[in-house]
Amino acid sequence: MFDLINWRYKNIRSLLENLSNRPTTRGGQQYGDRKIKELHALSWFITDRSRRGLTFDLNLYRQEADQYIQFAEIDSKIGNDEAADKPERFKYVE
């Protein structure tokens, strides 16, 4: 479970899409968009609980799974919008 801490949406989607492209003899399996969103929401839930120092209660996650999917989608959109620009290169001028 701790392996899901700080996973980002693009990483989860990339991993599951790559696994979907593999043949079944090499561990390939089809993951739909709903499964990708559920795994992203679970990762968001575990990361959020870890950052706040709270215990992991999967029953709490199961009760509000759709809500956590929405939170994860909002978080991924905010994360894309707030990417910091690279600062200008330092120039030494006398």
Protein backbone atom coordinates (compact mmCIF):
# COMPACT_ATOMS: atom_id res chain seq x y z
CA MET A 1 0.00 0.00 0.00
CA PHE A 2 2.85 2.41 0.78
CA ASP A 3 4.09 1.98 -2.79
CA LEU A 4 1.20 4.21 -3.95
CA ILE A 5 2.33 7.27 -1.99
CA ASN A 6 3.10 10.26 -4.25
CA TRP A 7 2.21 8.53 -7.52
CA ARG A 8 0.95 10.99 -10.08
CA TYR A 9 -1.92 10.55 -12.52
CA LYS A 10 0.30 10.52 -15.60
CA ASN A 11 2.53 7.83 -14.07
CA ILE A 12 -0.41 5.61 -13.16
CA ARG A 13 -2.04 6.04 -16.58
CA SER A 14 1.26 5.36 -18.37
CA LEU A 15 1.92 2.20 -16.35
CA LEU A 16 -1.54 0.74 -16.90
CA GLU A 17 -1.59 1.64 -20.59
CA ASN A 18 1.78 -0.10 -21.04
CA LEU A 19 0.47 -3.18 -19.22
CA SER A 20 -2.62 -3.13 -21.46
CA ASN A 21 -0.41 -3.17 -24.57
CA ARG A 22 1.43 -6.32 -23.47
CA PRO A 23 0.30 -9.73 -24.66
CA THR A 24 -1.54 -11.78 -22.03
CA THR A 25 1.32 -14.29 -22.01
CA ARG A 26 3.61 -11.53 -20.69
CA GLY A 27 1.28 -10.30 -17.96
CA GLY A 28 -0.82 -8.00 -20.10
CA GLN A 29 -4.31 -7.17 -18.96
CA GLN A 30 -6.94 -4.70 -20.11
CA TYR A 31 -7.52 -1.76 -17.77
CA GLY A 32 -10.42 0.50 -18.52
CA ASP A 33 -10.64 4.18 -17.76
CA ARG A 34 -12.67 3.49 -14.61
CA LYS A 35 -9.95 1.20 -13.16
CA ILE A 36 -7.30 3.82 -13.91
CA LYS A 37 -9.36 6.47 -12.12
CA GLU A 38 -9.94 4.15 -9.15
CA LEU A 39 -6.23 3.43 -8.77
CA HIS A 40 -5.46 7.14 -9.08
CA ALA A 41 -8.05 7.91 -6.38
CA LEU A 42 -6.60 5.23 -4.10
CA SER A 43 -3.13 6.69 -4.59
CA TRP A 44 -4.46 10.18 -3.83
CA PHE A 45 -6.22 8.89 -0.69
CA ILE A 46 -3.10 7.15 0.63
CA THR A 47 -0.87 10.15 -0.14
CA ASP A 48 -3.31 12.56 1.50
CA ARG A 49 -3.62 10.44 4.64
CA SER A 50 0.15 10.03 4.83
CA ARG A 51 0.81 13.78 4.52
CA ARG A 52 -1.70 14.53 7.29
CA GLY A 53 -0.34 11.80 9.56
CA LEU A 54 -3.61 9.87 9.63
CA THR A 55 -4.11 6.11 9.57
CA PHE A 56 -5.08 4.27 6.42
CA ASP A 57 -8.66 3.05 6.70
CA LEU A 58 -9.68 1.34 3.48
CA ASN A 59 -13.25 1.06 4.72
CA LEU A 60 -13.38 4.86 4.75
CA TYR A 61 -12.08 4.88 1.18
CA ARG A 62 -14.66 2.31 0.05
CA GLN A 63 -17.53 4.33 1.54
CA GLU A 64 -16.56 7.48 -0.38
CA ALA A 65 -14.76 6.05 -3.43
CA ASP A 66 -16.54 8.30 -5.96
CA GLN A 67 -15.71 11.37 -3.90
CA TYR A 68 -12.03 10.43 -3.83
CA ILE A 69 -12.07 9.95 -7.61
CA GLN A 70 -13.28 13.55 -7.93
CA PHE A 71 -10.62 14.79 -5.50
CA ALA A 72 -7.91 12.98 -7.45
CA GLU A 73 -9.11 14.48 -10.76
CA ILE A 74 -9.13 17.98 -9.27
CA ASP A 75 -5.65 17.42 -7.83
CA SER A 76 -4.27 16.28 -11.20
CA LYS A 77 -5.72 19.36 -12.94
CA ILE A 78 -4.30 21.70 -10.29
CA GLY A 79 -0.92 19.99 -10.48
CA ASN A 80 -0.76 20.61 -14.24
CA ASP A 81 -1.72 24.28 -13.89
CA GLU A 82 0.74 25.19 -11.18
CA ALA A 83 3.94 24.03 -12.83
CA ALA A 84 6.61 26.58 -11.95
CA ASP A 85 8.56 28.23 -14.72
CA LYS A 86 12.30 27.80 -14.79
CA PRO A 87 14.04 30.89 -13.40
CA GLU A 88 16.38 32.91 -15.56
CA ARG A 89 20.03 32.00 -15.51
CA PHE A 90 22.08 33.95 -13.01
CA LYS A 91 24.34 36.55 -14.63
CA TYR A 92 27.15 38.19 -12.80
CA VAL A 93 27.48 41.84 -13.76
CA GLU A 94 30.06 44.19 -12.28
